[in-house]
Amino acid sequence: MTNYTIENIMASMNLNTKLKLREISENIENTEYNPDNFPGVIWRPKNNYGVVIIMDDGRMMCTNTRSMDDVDSIFERVTKMMEEKGLITPRLSCPSCGAAVDGEDVVCIECGNLLQG
């Protein structure tokens, strides 16, 4: 059997909500936001090597972690901070495919499912 060591895990998640990146960068510590250079907020949590990239469509990517426990912890921390500061605006999900949809949408653009009866 080959020996190996996990050096870096990359994971992503989707909050299924629109985010105001400027507000996130102003209200969450240890963030960087320069939309002229990069379209997302970069969050570097204290006491952890992980990095989270937060995009305005609610997608987040976590990298530079070495365990799934680290990934879970980092995503949980950043999501909790955004909830506590009122920075997350809930969106709906398509019951068929799970894609994010807006309240006024009639049909899911991802799968074509009829959303309103």
Protein backbone atom coordinates (compact mmCIF):
# COMPACT_ATOMS: atom_id res chain seq x y z
CA MET A 1 0.00 0.00 0.00
CA THR A 2 1.20 3.49 -0.81
CA ASN A 3 1.67 5.93 2.06
CA TYR A 4 0.27 9.39 1.60
CA THR A 5 -0.33 12.58 3.54
CA ILE A 6 -3.18 15.00 2.95
CA GLU A 7 -1.61 18.41 2.40
CA ASN A 8 -4.54 20.43 1.12
CA ILE A 9 -8.29 19.94 0.89
CA MET A 10 -10.38 22.19 -1.32
CA ALA A 11 -14.11 22.28 -0.67
CA SER A 12 -17.00 24.43 -1.84
CA MET A 13 -20.49 25.18 -0.66
CA ASN A 14 -23.36 27.36 -1.78
CA LEU A 15 -25.42 29.48 0.60
CA ASN A 16 -28.07 29.93 -2.11
CA THR A 17 -28.25 33.63 -1.36
CA LYS A 18 -26.99 36.90 -2.80
CA LEU A 19 -24.22 38.47 -0.71
CA LYS A 20 -23.09 42.06 -0.37
CA LEU A 21 -19.35 41.64 -0.41
CA ARG A 22 -18.51 45.19 0.66
CA GLU A 23 -20.67 44.75 3.80
CA ILE A 24 -19.04 41.41 4.54
CA SER A 25 -15.57 42.88 4.24
CA GLU A 26 -16.52 45.79 6.53
CA ASN A 27 -18.17 43.61 9.20
CA ILE A 28 -16.12 40.41 9.30
CA GLU A 29 -12.59 40.55 10.68
CA ASN A 30 -9.58 39.27 8.73
CA THR A 31 -11.11 39.84 5.29
CA GLU A 32 -9.66 41.28 2.12
CA TYR A 33 -11.80 42.78 -0.63
CA ASN A 34 -10.48 44.58 -3.65
CA PRO A 35 -13.00 44.16 -6.47
CA ASP A 36 -10.62 45.78 -8.98
CA ASN A 37 -8.22 42.85 -8.51
CA PHE A 38 -10.50 39.94 -7.55
CA PRO A 39 -14.32 39.62 -7.50
CA GLY A 40 -14.59 37.92 -4.08
CA VAL A 41 -13.91 38.44 -0.40
CA ILE A 42 -10.98 36.51 1.02
CA TRP A 43 -11.35 35.51 4.68
CA ARG A 44 -8.40 34.18 6.65
CA PRO A 45 -9.62 32.91 10.03
CA LYS A 46 -7.40 33.44 13.03
CA ASN A 47 -5.65 30.36 14.43
CA ASN A 48 -6.15 28.40 11.23
CA TYR A 49 -4.31 28.08 7.93
CA GLY A 50 -7.54 27.77 5.96
CA VAL A 51 -8.73 30.41 3.53
CA VAL A 52 -12.31 31.03 2.39
CA ILE A 53 -13.22 32.83 -0.82
CA ILE A 54 -16.73 34.29 -0.72
CA MET A 55 -18.52 35.25 -3.95
CA ASP A 56 -21.53 37.54 -4.34
CA ASP A 57 -23.78 34.71 -5.58
CA GLY A 58 -23.36 32.84 -2.27
CA ARG A 59 -20.72 30.36 -3.38
CA MET A 60 -17.80 29.84 -1.01
CA MET A 61 -14.60 27.91 -1.50
CA CYS A 62 -12.37 26.75 1.34
CA THR A 63 -8.78 25.77 0.72
CA ASN A 64 -5.53 25.13 2.57
CA THR A 65 -7.08 22.77 5.12
CA ARG A 66 -5.89 19.30 6.02
CA SER A 67 -9.04 17.62 7.34
CA MET A 68 -12.77 17.58 6.75
CA ASP A 69 -13.21 18.66 10.38
CA ASP A 70 -11.27 21.83 9.51
CA VAL A 71 -13.49 22.40 6.47
CA ASP A 72 -16.68 21.93 8.52
CA SER A 73 -15.40 24.23 11.26
CA ILE A 74 -14.34 27.01 8.89
CA PHE A 75 -17.58 26.99 6.87
CA GLU A 76 -19.61 26.88 10.09
CA ARG A 77 -17.67 29.81 11.59
CA VAL A 78 -17.94 32.11 8.59
CA THR A 79 -21.63 31.30 8.06
CA LYS A 80 -22.41 31.91 11.74
CA MET A 81 -20.60 35.25 11.68
CA MET A 82 -22.54 36.38 8.60
CA GLU A 83 -25.84 35.28 10.18
CA GLU A 84 -25.07 37.09 13.46
CA LYS A 85 -24.25 40.30 11.56
CA GLY A 86 -27.37 40.05 9.37
CA LEU A 87 -25.34 39.69 6.18
CA ILE A 88 -27.17 36.67 4.74
CA THR A 89 -30.35 37.21 2.75
CA PRO A 90 -32.15 33.88 2.36
CA ARG A 91 -33.06 32.62 -1.10
CA LEU A 92 -35.24 29.76 -2.15
CA SER A 93 -34.06 26.50 -3.68
CA CYS A 94 -35.66 24.59 -6.51
CA PRO A 95 -37.34 21.51 -5.01
CA SER A 96 -36.31 19.47 -8.04
CA CYS A 97 -32.59 20.23 -8.49
CA GLY A 98 -31.65 22.43 -5.50
CA ALA A 99 -30.53 25.42 -7.60
CA ALA A 100 -30.96 28.88 -6.08
CA VAL A 101 -34.06 30.68 -7.32
CA ASP A 102 -35.55 34.08 -6.60
CA GLY A 103 -39.03 34.50 -5.14
CA GLU A 104 -40.43 35.96 -8.37
CA ASP A 105 -39.09 33.11 -10.56
CA VAL A 106 -41.74 30.96 -12.19
CA VAL A 107 -39.44 28.32 -13.70
CA CYS A 108 -36.05 27.08 -12.52
CA ILE A 109 -33.47 28.11 -15.11
CA GLU A 110 -31.30 25.09 -14.23
CA CYS A 111 -33.80 22.24 -14.68
CA GLY A 112 -36.98 23.86 -16.07
CA ASN A 113 -39.10 22.81 -13.07
CA LEU A 114 -42.29 24.85 -12.63
CA LEU A 115 -41.89 26.69 -9.31
CA GLN A 116 -45.28 28.35 -8.90
CA GLY A 117 -48.56 26.67 -9.48
